[in-house]
Amino acid sequence: MRFINELHEGDRVGAIYLCKQKQAAVTKNGKPYENVILQDKTGTIDAKIWDPNSSGIDDFDALDYVEVVGEVSSFAGALQVTIRRARKAGEGEYDPKDYLPVSENSTEDMYGQLVTYINSIKNPYLVQLLNRLFVEDAEFQKNFTSHSAAKTVHHGFIGGLLEHTLSVVKLCDYYCTRYPILKRDLLISAALCHDIGKTKELSAFPLNDYTDEGQLLGHIVIGTEMIHDIIRTIPDFPRKLENELKHCIIAHHGELEYGSPKKPALAEAVALNLADNTDARMETLTEIFSNAGAKKEWLGFNRLFESNLRRTSEV
């Protein structure tokens, strides 16, 4: 098949893709058309069906695998497919692994590393908490290892939440060796738990979209509630430790305008925010450069970084 990241302006398309979204719309002249988002494991691309009633356009819905025929053009600086013919593909015509973005790293290996960090915690209350969540809860473990860390911005692939969490834990572990003021048990535990709410904020693939709970509460509140519920099952869990752990999770976005209910007040909360932001930003850059393919050095203005990004010269 022809993957989305291999498409260029002027190409003709004739392949099966996952229809991630499909929405009816109307032009300024009142003519009906359909907005479609096509997806494979390399990313997504916008598509348009300008004549939905054409005999070449069969019925299909979002999350169907669809064979499309059309042309690739450029609109407002982004590639777009004009769909001329479309039909719902049958089972056996496609391999689902070609359509869902997956971490390049082994899920088993990453999860094993995460458990090793849990086993390095000395505080008995935090050990109980982490084991109840990451080791004893099979349903959570399944959701956590298969979830993305975001809908689009960074780590938006199967295993992305696990990969991001492990990277943040590793950064925090380094911080603890460099800055003695940090309490390692608290910081590593907070790093392990900081994004657990995303298992409920985002739906599973192939949809990978915000749930009602995610829209109404967000992963910071959801994750804090999850921690609260587990702690209630651990006898004599220290209230001060509970509050400090919750604070690190509540403040891990760093700023009120970025969704944190509180700004960091503990050294561990500051360190967690820095580690989370570092991994998110560097992974975002990695994905931007990867998706740009063989484009020229200057990639254009990026709203997240508020800068015209450029590839580094070969030395």
C-alpha atoms as a PDB file:
ATOM      1  CA  MET A   1       0.000   0.000   0.000  1.00  0.00           C
ATOM      2  CA  ARG A   2       0.972   3.648  -0.345  1.00  0.00           C
ATOM      3  CA  PHE A   3       1.447   5.118   3.119  1.00  0.00           C
ATOM      4  CA  ILE A   4       0.298   8.649   3.875  1.00  0.00           C
ATOM      5  CA  ASN A   5       3.785   9.943   4.651  1.00  0.00           C
ATOM      6  CA  GLU A   6       4.830   8.894   1.129  1.00  0.00           C
ATOM      7  CA  LEU A   7       2.184  11.017  -0.630  1.00  0.00           C
ATOM      8  CA  HIS A   8       3.095  14.158  -2.550  1.00  0.00           C
ATOM      9  CA  GLU A   9       1.174  16.897  -4.324  1.00  0.00           C
ATOM     10  CA  GLY A  10       0.006  15.658  -7.722  1.00  0.00           C
ATOM     11  CA  ASP A  11      -0.003  11.959  -6.798  1.00  0.00           C
ATOM     12  CA  ARG A  12      -2.897   9.689  -7.664  1.00  0.00           C
ATOM     13  CA  VAL A  13      -4.195   7.579  -4.795  1.00  0.00           C
ATOM     14  CA  GLY A  14      -5.659   4.099  -5.006  1.00  0.00           C
ATOM     15  CA  ALA A  15      -5.381   2.370  -1.631  1.00  0.00           C
ATOM     16  CA  ILE A  16      -7.207   1.317   1.528  1.00  0.00           C
ATOM     17  CA  TYR A  17      -7.110   3.664   4.532  1.00  0.00           C
ATOM     18  CA  LEU A  18      -8.855   3.871   7.878  1.00  0.00           C
ATOM     19  CA  CYS A  19     -11.563   6.545   7.905  1.00  0.00           C
ATOM     20  CA  LYS A  20     -10.847   8.273  11.202  1.00  0.00           C
ATOM     21  CA  GLN A  21     -13.555  10.930  10.825  1.00  0.00           C
ATOM     22  CA  LYS A  22     -16.350  11.723   8.388  1.00  0.00           C
ATOM     23  CA  GLN A  23     -18.549  14.801   8.543  1.00  0.00           C
ATOM     24  CA  ALA A  24     -21.133  16.307   6.192  1.00  0.00           C
ATOM     25  CA  ALA A  25     -20.654  19.976   5.274  1.00  0.00           C
ATOM     26  CA  VAL A  26     -21.948  22.623   2.879  1.00  0.00           C
ATOM     27  CA  THR A  27     -19.983  24.982   0.616  1.00  0.00           C
ATOM     28  CA  LYS A  28     -20.576  28.743   0.581  1.00  0.00           C
ATOM     29  CA  ASN A  29     -22.781  28.139  -2.442  1.00  0.00           C
ATOM     30  CA  GLY A  30     -24.924  25.662  -0.546  1.00  0.00           C
ATOM     31  CA  LYS A  31     -23.556  22.541  -2.236  1.00  0.00           C
ATOM     32  CA  PRO A  32     -23.172  19.502   0.080  1.00  0.00           C
ATOM     33  CA  TYR A  33     -19.791  17.795   0.445  1.00  0.00           C
ATOM     34  CA  GLU A  34     -18.052  15.614   3.049  1.00  0.00           C
ATOM     35  CA  ASN A  35     -14.947  16.182   5.157  1.00  0.00           C
ATOM     36  CA  VAL A  36     -12.982  12.987   5.726  1.00  0.00           C
ATOM     37  CA  ILE A  37      -9.812  12.256   7.684  1.00  0.00           C
ATOM     38  CA  LEU A  38      -7.872   9.239   6.435  1.00  0.00           C
ATOM     39  CA  GLN A  39      -5.369   7.455   8.649  1.00  0.00           C
ATOM     40  CA  ASP A  40      -2.649   4.834   8.517  1.00  0.00           C
ATOM     41  CA  LYS A  41       0.221   4.050  10.875  1.00  0.00           C
ATOM     42  CA  THR A  42       2.285   6.944   9.494  1.00  0.00           C
ATOM     43  CA  GLY A  43      -0.281   9.653  10.202  1.00  0.00           C
ATOM     44  CA  THR A  44      -3.447  11.292   8.906  1.00  0.00           C
ATOM     45  CA  ILE A  45      -4.474  13.371   5.892  1.00  0.00           C
ATOM     46  CA  ASP A  46      -7.532  15.512   5.186  1.00  0.00           C
ATOM     47  CA  ALA A  47      -9.758  14.436   2.324  1.00  0.00           C
ATOM     48  CA  LYS A  48     -12.826  15.836   0.566  1.00  0.00           C
ATOM     49  CA  ILE A  49     -15.726  14.186  -1.250  1.00  0.00           C
ATOM     50  CA  TRP A  50     -17.093  17.038  -3.332  1.00  0.00           C
ATOM     51  CA  ASP A  51     -19.918  14.957  -4.846  1.00  0.00           C
ATOM     52  CA  PRO A  52     -21.222  12.597  -2.106  1.00  0.00           C
ATOM     53  CA  ASN A  53     -24.108  11.447  -4.323  1.00  0.00           C
ATOM     54  CA  SER A  54     -21.835  10.229  -7.102  1.00  0.00           C
ATOM     55  CA  SER A  55     -22.333   6.613  -8.177  1.00  0.00           C
ATOM     56  CA  GLY A  56     -18.666   5.963  -7.383  1.00  0.00           C
ATOM     57  CA  ILE A  57     -19.075   6.836  -3.708  1.00  0.00           C
ATOM     58  CA  ASP A  58     -20.407   3.924  -1.659  1.00  0.00           C
ATOM     59  CA  ASP A  59     -21.666   4.240   1.913  1.00  0.00           C
ATOM     60  CA  PHE A  60     -19.067   4.106   4.667  1.00  0.00           C
ATOM     61  CA  ASP A  61     -18.716   5.513   8.175  1.00  0.00           C
ATOM     62  CA  ALA A  62     -16.020   6.684  10.546  1.00  0.00           C
ATOM     63  CA  LEU A  63     -13.741   3.826  11.704  1.00  0.00           C
ATOM     64  CA  ASP A  64     -14.431   1.834   8.536  1.00  0.00           C
ATOM     65  CA  TYR A  65     -11.551   0.703   6.335  1.00  0.00           C
ATOM     66  CA  VAL A  66     -12.162   2.309   2.959  1.00  0.00           C
ATOM     67  CA  GLU A  67     -10.613   1.889  -0.464  1.00  0.00           C
ATOM     68  CA  VAL A  68     -10.291   5.359  -1.961  1.00  0.00           C
ATOM     69  CA  VAL A  69      -9.319   6.554  -5.417  1.00  0.00           C
ATOM     70  CA  GLY A  70      -8.422  10.190  -5.922  1.00  0.00           C
ATOM     71  CA  GLU A  71      -5.737  12.847  -6.281  1.00  0.00           C
ATOM     72  CA  VAL A  72      -3.439  14.610  -3.813  1.00  0.00           C
ATOM     73  CA  SER A  73      -3.385  18.402  -3.870  1.00  0.00           C
ATOM     74  CA  SER A  74      -2.157  21.147  -1.564  1.00  0.00           C
ATOM     75  CA  PHE A  75      -4.446  23.561   0.278  1.00  0.00           C
ATOM     76  CA  ALA A  76      -3.301  26.209   2.788  1.00  0.00           C
ATOM     77  CA  GLY A  77       0.117  24.564   2.959  1.00  0.00           C
ATOM     78  CA  ALA A  78      -1.173  21.069   3.768  1.00  0.00           C
ATOM     79  CA  LEU A  79      -1.774  18.018   1.600  1.00  0.00           C
ATOM     80  CA  GLN A  80      -5.361  17.029   0.865  1.00  0.00           C
ATOM     81  CA  VAL A  81      -6.975  14.156  -1.030  1.00  0.00           C
ATOM     82  CA  THR A  82      -9.885  14.676  -3.398  1.00  0.00           C
ATOM     83  CA  ILE A  83     -11.809  11.390  -3.311  1.00  0.00           C
ATOM     84  CA  ARG A  84     -13.351  10.361  -6.657  1.00  0.00           C
ATOM     85  CA  ARG A  85     -14.374   6.816  -5.729  1.00  0.00           C
ATOM     86  CA  ALA A  86     -14.751   5.072  -2.383  1.00  0.00           C
ATOM     87  CA  ARG A  87     -15.956   1.728  -1.108  1.00  0.00           C
ATOM     88  CA  LYS A  88     -15.925   0.000   2.264  1.00  0.00           C
ATOM     89  CA  ALA A  89     -13.201  -2.663   2.311  1.00  0.00           C
ATOM     90  CA  GLY A  90     -13.965  -6.178   3.475  1.00  0.00           C
ATOM     91  CA  GLU A  91     -12.140  -8.219   6.098  1.00  0.00           C
ATOM     92  CA  GLY A  92      -9.018  -9.828   4.710  1.00  0.00           C
ATOM     93  CA  GLU A  93      -8.324  -6.912   2.366  1.00  0.00           C
ATOM     94  CA  TYR A  94      -6.263  -5.022   4.938  1.00  0.00           C
ATOM     95  CA  ASP A  95      -3.963  -5.577   7.902  1.00  0.00           C
ATOM     96  CA  PRO A  96      -5.001  -3.435  10.928  1.00  0.00           C
ATOM     97  CA  LYS A  97      -1.322  -3.090  11.922  1.00  0.00           C
ATOM     98  CA  ASP A  98      -0.811  -0.900   8.838  1.00  0.00           C
ATOM     99  CA  TYR A  99      -3.326   1.657  10.079  1.00  0.00           C
ATOM    100  CA  LEU A 100      -2.635   2.179  13.763  1.00  0.00           C
ATOM    101  CA  PRO A 101       0.487   4.106  14.808  1.00  0.00           C
ATOM    102  CA  VAL A 102       2.587   2.025  17.216  1.00  0.00           C
ATOM    103  CA  SER A 103       5.622   2.806  19.350  1.00  0.00           C
ATOM    104  CA  GLU A 104       8.901   1.677  17.831  1.00  0.00           C
ATOM    105  CA  ASN A 105       9.912   0.308  21.245  1.00  0.00           C
ATOM    106  CA  SER A 106       8.847  -3.025  22.724  1.00  0.00           C
ATOM    107  CA  THR A 107       5.861  -2.713  25.060  1.00  0.00           C
ATOM    108  CA  GLU A 108       7.103  -5.639  27.152  1.00  0.00           C
ATOM    109  CA  ASP A 109      10.571  -4.131  27.526  1.00  0.00           C
ATOM    110  CA  MET A 110       9.264  -0.680  28.448  1.00  0.00           C
ATOM    111  CA  TYR A 111       6.830  -2.084  30.988  1.00  0.00           C
ATOM    112  CA  GLY A 112       9.570  -4.232  32.481  1.00  0.00           C
ATOM    113  CA  GLN A 113      11.697  -1.135  32.965  1.00  0.00           C
ATOM    114  CA  LEU A 114       8.752   0.614  34.622  1.00  0.00           C
ATOM    115  CA  VAL A 115       8.317  -2.258  37.098  1.00  0.00           C
ATOM    116  CA  THR A 116      12.044  -2.087  37.879  1.00  0.00           C
ATOM    117  CA  TYR A 117      11.584   1.555  38.910  1.00  0.00           C
ATOM    118  CA  ILE A 118       8.613   0.557  41.084  1.00  0.00           C
ATOM    119  CA  ASN A 119      10.775  -2.060  42.798  1.00  0.00           C
ATOM    120  CA  SER A 120      13.383   0.622  43.541  1.00  0.00           C
ATOM    121  CA  ILE A 121      10.952   2.599  45.722  1.00  0.00           C
ATOM    122  CA  LYS A 122      11.622   2.195  49.456  1.00  0.00           C
ATOM    123  CA  ASN A 123       8.574   3.878  51.013  1.00  0.00           C
ATOM    124  CA  PRO A 124       6.165   1.000  51.878  1.00  0.00           C
ATOM    125  CA  TYR A 125       3.019   3.072  51.290  1.00  0.00           C
ATOM    126  CA  LEU A 126       4.118   4.246  47.841  1.00  0.00           C
ATOM    127  CA  VAL A 127       5.175   0.688  46.955  1.00  0.00           C
ATOM    128  CA  GLN A 128       1.688  -0.568  47.830  1.00  0.00           C
ATOM    129  CA  LEU A 129       0.061   2.175  45.790  1.00  0.00           C
ATOM    130  CA  LEU A 130       2.202   1.567  42.708  1.00  0.00           C
ATOM    131  CA  ASN A 131       1.831  -2.213  42.849  1.00  0.00           C
ATOM    132  CA  ARG A 132      -1.950  -2.025  43.219  1.00  0.00           C
ATOM    133  CA  LEU A 133      -2.105   0.117  40.090  1.00  0.00           C
ATOM    134  CA  PHE A 134       0.649  -1.075  37.763  1.00  0.00           C
ATOM    135  CA  VAL A 135       1.116  -4.712  38.797  1.00  0.00           C
ATOM    136  CA  GLU A 136      -2.107  -6.056  40.328  1.00  0.00           C
ATOM    137  CA  ASP A 137      -4.681  -4.262  38.156  1.00  0.00           C
ATOM    138  CA  ALA A 138      -4.677  -6.223  34.872  1.00  0.00           C
ATOM    139  CA  GLU A 139      -7.293  -4.002  33.225  1.00  0.00           C
ATOM    140  CA  PHE A 140      -5.348  -0.820  33.994  1.00  0.00           C
ATOM    141  CA  GLN A 141      -2.126  -2.446  32.783  1.00  0.00           C
ATOM    142  CA  LYS A 142      -3.764  -3.339  29.458  1.00  0.00           C
ATOM    143  CA  ASN A 143      -5.169   0.180  29.002  1.00  0.00           C
ATOM    144  CA  PHE A 144      -1.957   1.894  30.088  1.00  0.00           C
ATOM    145  CA  THR A 145       0.280  -0.044  27.697  1.00  0.00           C
ATOM    146  CA  SER A 146      -2.010   0.420  24.674  1.00  0.00           C
ATOM    147  CA  HIS A 147      -2.966   4.072  25.152  1.00  0.00           C
ATOM    148  CA  SER A 148      -1.484   7.147  23.511  1.00  0.00           C
ATOM    149  CA  ALA A 149      -0.203  10.085  25.534  1.00  0.00           C
ATOM    150  CA  ALA A 150      -2.124  12.631  23.453  1.00  0.00           C
ATOM    151  CA  LYS A 151      -4.603  12.937  20.631  1.00  0.00           C
ATOM    152  CA  THR A 152      -2.205  14.704  18.271  1.00  0.00           C
ATOM    153  CA  VAL A 153       0.610  16.733  19.863  1.00  0.00           C
ATOM    154  CA  HIS A 154       3.107  14.107  21.054  1.00  0.00           C
ATOM    155  CA  HIS A 155       3.262  10.341  21.598  1.00  0.00           C
ATOM    156  CA  GLY A 156      -0.061   9.968  19.758  1.00  0.00           C
ATOM    157  CA  PHE A 157       0.406   6.269  19.086  1.00  0.00           C
ATOM    158  CA  ILE A 158      -0.205   2.873  20.682  1.00  0.00           C
ATOM    159  CA  GLY A 159       2.257   2.569  23.552  1.00  0.00           C
ATOM    160  CA  GLY A 160       2.791   6.333  23.572  1.00  0.00           C
ATOM    161  CA  LEU A 161       1.579   6.783  27.148  1.00  0.00           C
ATOM    162  CA  LEU A 162       3.933   4.066  28.388  1.00  0.00           C
ATOM    163  CA  GLU A 163       6.851   5.441  26.349  1.00  0.00           C
ATOM    164  CA  HIS A 164       6.281   9.001  27.582  1.00  0.00           C
ATOM    165  CA  THR A 165       5.882   7.917  31.208  1.00  0.00           C
ATOM    166  CA  LEU A 166       9.086   5.880  31.109  1.00  0.00           C
ATOM    167  CA  SER A 167      11.019   8.806  29.601  1.00  0.00           C
ATOM    168  CA  VAL A 168       9.728  11.165  32.295  1.00  0.00           C
ATOM    169  CA  VAL A 169      10.665   8.651  35.015  1.00  0.00           C
ATOM    170  CA  LYS A 170      14.189   8.343  33.606  1.00  0.00           C
ATOM    171  CA  LEU A 171      14.646  12.125  33.517  1.00  0.00           C
ATOM    172  CA  CYS A 172      13.394  12.411  37.099  1.00  0.00           C
ATOM    173  CA  ASP A 173      15.736   9.620  38.183  1.00  0.00           C
ATOM    174  CA  TYR A 174      18.646  11.612  36.744  1.00  0.00           C
ATOM    175  CA  TYR A 175      17.470  14.771  38.509  1.00  0.00           C
ATOM    176  CA  CYS A 176      17.596  12.863  41.805  1.00  0.00           C
ATOM    177  CA  THR A 177      21.260  11.970  41.263  1.00  0.00           C
ATOM    178  CA  ARG A 178      22.104  15.604  40.472  1.00  0.00           C
ATOM    179  CA  TYR A 179      19.968  17.521  42.978  1.00  0.00           C
ATOM    180  CA  PRO A 180      20.020  16.102  46.532  1.00  0.00           C
ATOM    181  CA  ILE A 181      17.062  18.256  47.645  1.00  0.00           C
ATOM    182  CA  LEU A 182      14.736  15.955  45.709  1.00  0.00           C
ATOM    183  CA  LYS A 183      12.996  13.105  47.533  1.00  0.00           C
ATOM    184  CA  ARG A 184      13.439  10.233  45.082  1.00  0.00           C
ATOM    185  CA  ASP A 185      10.564   8.024  46.273  1.00  0.00           C
ATOM    186  CA  LEU A 186       8.071  10.866  45.919  1.00  0.00           C
ATOM    187  CA  LEU A 187       9.372  12.123  42.575  1.00  0.00           C
ATOM    188  CA  ILE A 188       9.610   8.705  40.889  1.00  0.00           C
ATOM    189  CA  SER A 189       6.153   7.757  42.184  1.00  0.00           C
ATOM    190  CA  ALA A 190       4.697  11.032  40.897  1.00  0.00           C
ATOM    191  CA  ALA A 191       6.413  10.539  37.519  1.00  0.00           C
ATOM    192  CA  LEU A 192       4.943   7.054  37.234  1.00  0.00           C
ATOM    193  CA  CYS A 193       1.448   8.327  38.043  1.00  0.00           C
ATOM    194  CA  HIS A 194       1.388  11.797  36.496  1.00  0.00           C
ATOM    195  CA  ASP A 195      -0.543  10.817  33.326  1.00  0.00           C
ATOM    196  CA  ILE A 196      -2.539   7.776  34.474  1.00  0.00           C
ATOM    197  CA  GLY A 197      -5.734   9.795  33.977  1.00  0.00           C
ATOM    198  CA  LYS A 198      -5.153   9.646  30.220  1.00  0.00           C
ATOM    199  CA  THR A 199      -6.329   6.029  30.268  1.00  0.00           C
ATOM    200  CA  LYS A 200      -9.800   7.491  30.859  1.00  0.00           C
ATOM    201  CA  GLU A 201      -9.395  10.903  29.213  1.00  0.00           C
ATOM    202  CA  LEU A 202      -8.756   9.377  25.785  1.00  0.00           C
ATOM    203  CA  SER A 203     -10.585   6.508  24.106  1.00  0.00           C
ATOM    204  CA  ALA A 204      -8.732   3.490  22.774  1.00  0.00           C
ATOM    205  CA  PHE A 205      -7.498   3.214  19.203  1.00  0.00           C
ATOM    206  CA  PRO A 206      -8.527   3.479  16.460  1.00  0.00           C
ATOM    207  CA  LEU A 207     -10.644   6.392  17.689  1.00  0.00           C
ATOM    208  CA  ASN A 208      -8.078   7.911  20.100  1.00  0.00           C
ATOM    209  CA  ASP A 209     -10.345  10.847  20.915  1.00  0.00           C
ATOM    210  CA  TYR A 210     -11.514  12.612  24.068  1.00  0.00           C
ATOM    211  CA  THR A 211     -14.140  10.793  26.117  1.00  0.00           C
ATOM    212  CA  ASP A 212     -16.980  12.600  27.896  1.00  0.00           C
ATOM    213  CA  GLU A 213     -15.034  12.171  31.135  1.00  0.00           C
ATOM    214  CA  GLY A 214     -11.939  13.582  29.475  1.00  0.00           C
ATOM    215  CA  GLN A 215     -13.785  16.600  28.112  1.00  0.00           C
ATOM    216  CA  LEU A 216     -15.487  17.358  31.435  1.00  0.00           C
ATOM    217  CA  LEU A 217     -12.646  16.668  33.877  1.00  0.00           C
ATOM    218  CA  GLY A 218      -9.327  16.240  32.080  1.00  0.00           C
ATOM    219  CA  HIS A 219      -6.564  13.769  32.884  1.00  0.00           C
ATOM    220  CA  ILE A 220      -5.109  15.740  35.819  1.00  0.00           C
ATOM    221  CA  VAL A 221      -8.342  15.609  37.822  1.00  0.00           C
ATOM    222  CA  ILE A 222      -9.089  12.034  36.700  1.00  0.00           C
ATOM    223  CA  GLY A 223      -5.615  10.849  37.690  1.00  0.00           C
ATOM    224  CA  THR A 224      -5.812  12.542  41.084  1.00  0.00           C
ATOM    225  CA  GLU A 225      -9.158  10.838  41.739  1.00  0.00           C
ATOM    226  CA  MET A 226      -7.665   7.474  40.774  1.00  0.00           C
ATOM    227  CA  ILE A 227      -4.819   7.987  43.265  1.00  0.00           C
ATOM    228  CA  HIS A 228      -7.312   9.050  45.942  1.00  0.00           C
ATOM    229  CA  ASP A 229      -9.419   5.920  45.446  1.00  0.00           C
ATOM    230  CA  ILE A 230      -6.430   3.572  45.702  1.00  0.00           C
ATOM    231  CA  ILE A 231      -5.041   5.311  48.785  1.00  0.00           C
ATOM    232  CA  ARG A 232      -8.395   4.801  50.526  1.00  0.00           C
ATOM    233  CA  THR A 233      -7.719   1.042  50.332  1.00  0.00           C
ATOM    234  CA  ILE A 234      -4.259   1.268  51.969  1.00  0.00           C
ATOM    235  CA  PRO A 235      -4.475   1.368  55.776  1.00  0.00           C
ATOM    236  CA  ASP A 236      -2.759   4.306  57.530  1.00  0.00           C
ATOM    237  CA  PHE A 237      -1.470   5.900  54.333  1.00  0.00           C
ATOM    238  CA  PRO A 238       0.112   9.163  55.610  1.00  0.00           C
ATOM    239  CA  ARG A 239      -2.077  12.174  54.805  1.00  0.00           C
ATOM    240  CA  LYS A 240       0.921  14.457  54.264  1.00  0.00           C
ATOM    241  CA  LEU A 241       2.453  12.025  51.773  1.00  0.00           C
ATOM    242  CA  GLU A 242      -0.893  11.712  50.002  1.00  0.00           C
ATOM    243  CA  ASN A 243      -1.175  15.478  49.641  1.00  0.00           C
ATOM    244  CA  GLU A 244       2.382  15.829  48.364  1.00  0.00           C
ATOM    245  CA  LEU A 245       1.890  13.095  45.757  1.00  0.00           C
ATOM    246  CA  LYS A 246      -1.406  14.595  44.631  1.00  0.00           C
ATOM    247  CA  HIS A 247       0.167  18.039  44.444  1.00  0.00           C
ATOM    248  CA  CYS A 248       2.885  16.803  42.081  1.00  0.00           C
ATOM    249  CA  ILE A 249       0.230  15.358  39.760  1.00  0.00           C
ATOM    250  CA  ILE A 250      -2.039  18.413  40.011  1.00  0.00           C
ATOM    251  CA  ALA A 251       0.840  20.805  39.258  1.00  0.00           C
ATOM    252  CA  HIS A 252       2.710  18.841  36.591  1.00  0.00           C
ATOM    253  CA  HIS A 253       1.661  21.145  33.732  1.00  0.00           C
ATOM    254  CA  GLY A 254       3.405  23.952  35.555  1.00  0.00           C
ATOM    255  CA  GLU A 255       1.117  26.884  34.771  1.00  0.00           C
ATOM    256  CA  LEU A 256      -2.554  27.603  35.395  1.00  0.00           C
ATOM    257  CA  GLU A 257      -3.087  28.479  31.725  1.00  0.00           C
ATOM    258  CA  TYR A 258      -1.713  25.059  30.728  1.00  0.00           C
ATOM    259  CA  GLY A 259      -4.347  23.236  32.781  1.00  0.00           C
ATOM    260  CA  SER A 260      -2.690  22.820  36.174  1.00  0.00           C
ATOM    261  CA  PRO A 261      -5.115  23.643  39.032  1.00  0.00           C
ATOM    262  CA  LYS A 262      -2.064  24.621  41.116  1.00  0.00           C
ATOM    263  CA  LYS A 263       1.437  25.856  40.269  1.00  0.00           C
ATOM    264  CA  PRO A 264       4.333  23.755  41.604  1.00  0.00           C
ATOM    265  CA  ALA A 265       5.082  24.409  45.271  1.00  0.00           C
ATOM    266  CA  LEU A 266       7.354  21.421  45.986  1.00  0.00           C
ATOM    267  CA  ALA A 267      10.790  20.816  44.496  1.00  0.00           C
ATOM    268  CA  GLU A 268       9.543  17.455  43.249  1.00  0.00           C
ATOM    269  CA  ALA A 269       6.595  19.117  41.500  1.00  0.00           C
ATOM    270  CA  VAL A 270       8.981  21.533  39.754  1.00  0.00           C
ATOM    271  CA  ALA A 271      11.209  18.652  38.656  1.00  0.00           C
ATOM    272  CA  LEU A 272       8.239  16.650  37.362  1.00  0.00           C
ATOM    273  CA  ASN A 273       6.976  19.618  35.353  1.00  0.00           C
ATOM    274  CA  LEU A 274      10.406  20.121  33.776  1.00  0.00           C
ATOM    275  CA  ALA A 275      10.765  16.428  32.912  1.00  0.00           C
ATOM    276  CA  ASP A 276       7.247  16.211  31.479  1.00  0.00           C
ATOM    277  CA  ASN A 277       7.735  19.331  29.381  1.00  0.00           C
ATOM    278  CA  THR A 278      11.173  18.237  28.178  1.00  0.00           C
ATOM    279  CA  ASP A 279       9.985  14.861  26.927  1.00  0.00           C
ATOM    280  CA  ALA A 280       6.817  16.275  25.370  1.00  0.00           C
ATOM    281  CA  ARG A 281       8.698  19.012  23.511  1.00  0.00           C
ATOM    282  CA  MET A 282      11.534  16.805  22.286  1.00  0.00           C
ATOM    283  CA  GLU A 283       9.148  14.080  21.091  1.00  0.00           C
ATOM    284  CA  THR A 284       7.064  16.741  19.311  1.00  0.00           C
ATOM    285  CA  LEU A 285      10.183  17.969  17.513  1.00  0.00           C
ATOM    286  CA  THR A 286      11.116  14.385  16.649  1.00  0.00           C
ATOM    287  CA  GLU A 287       7.698  13.789  15.106  1.00  0.00           C
ATOM    288  CA  ILE A 288       7.734  17.119  13.231  1.00  0.00           C
ATOM    289  CA  PHE A 289      11.085  16.345  11.610  1.00  0.00           C
ATOM    290  CA  SER A 290      10.065  12.757  10.871  1.00  0.00           C
ATOM    291  CA  ASN A 291       6.770  13.756   9.254  1.00  0.00           C
ATOM    292  CA  ALA A 292       8.498  16.402   7.141  1.00  0.00           C
ATOM    293  CA  GLY A 293      10.253  13.655   5.189  1.00  0.00           C
ATOM    294  CA  ALA A 294      12.785  14.977   2.699  1.00  0.00           C
ATOM    295  CA  LYS A 295      11.590  18.568   2.823  1.00  0.00           C
ATOM    296  CA  LYS A 296      14.110  21.407   2.748  1.00  0.00           C
ATOM    297  CA  GLU A 297      15.899  22.539   5.915  1.00  0.00           C
ATOM    298  CA  TRP A 298      13.402  25.254   6.885  1.00  0.00           C
ATOM    299  CA  LEU A 299      10.077  23.684   7.857  1.00  0.00           C
ATOM    300  CA  GLY A 300       8.008  26.824   8.389  1.00  0.00           C
ATOM    301  CA  PHE A 301       6.436  28.508  11.400  1.00  0.00           C
ATOM    302  CA  ASN A 302       5.211  26.194  14.147  1.00  0.00           C
ATOM    303  CA  ARG A 303       2.533  27.519  16.519  1.00  0.00           C
ATOM    304  CA  LEU A 304       3.562  25.338  19.460  1.00  0.00           C
ATOM    305  CA  PHE A 305       7.177  26.493  19.404  1.00  0.00           C
ATOM    306  CA  GLU A 306       6.316  29.964  18.053  1.00  0.00           C
ATOM    307  CA  SER A 307       9.275  29.696  15.716  1.00  0.00           C
ATOM    308  CA  ASN A 308      10.209  28.921  12.125  1.00  0.00           C
ATOM    309  CA  LEU A 309      11.807  25.508  12.651  1.00  0.00           C
ATOM    310  CA  ARG A 310      14.939  24.393  10.836  1.00  0.00           C
ATOM    311  CA  ARG A 311      16.833  21.139  10.563  1.00  0.00           C
ATOM    312  CA  THR A 312      20.305  21.151  12.106  1.00  0.00           C
ATOM    313  CA  SER A 313      23.157  21.156   9.574  1.00  0.00           C
ATOM    314  CA  GLU A 314      25.259  18.036   9.194  1.00  0.00           C
ATOM    315  CA  VAL A 315      28.653  18.589  10.843  1.00  0.00           C
END
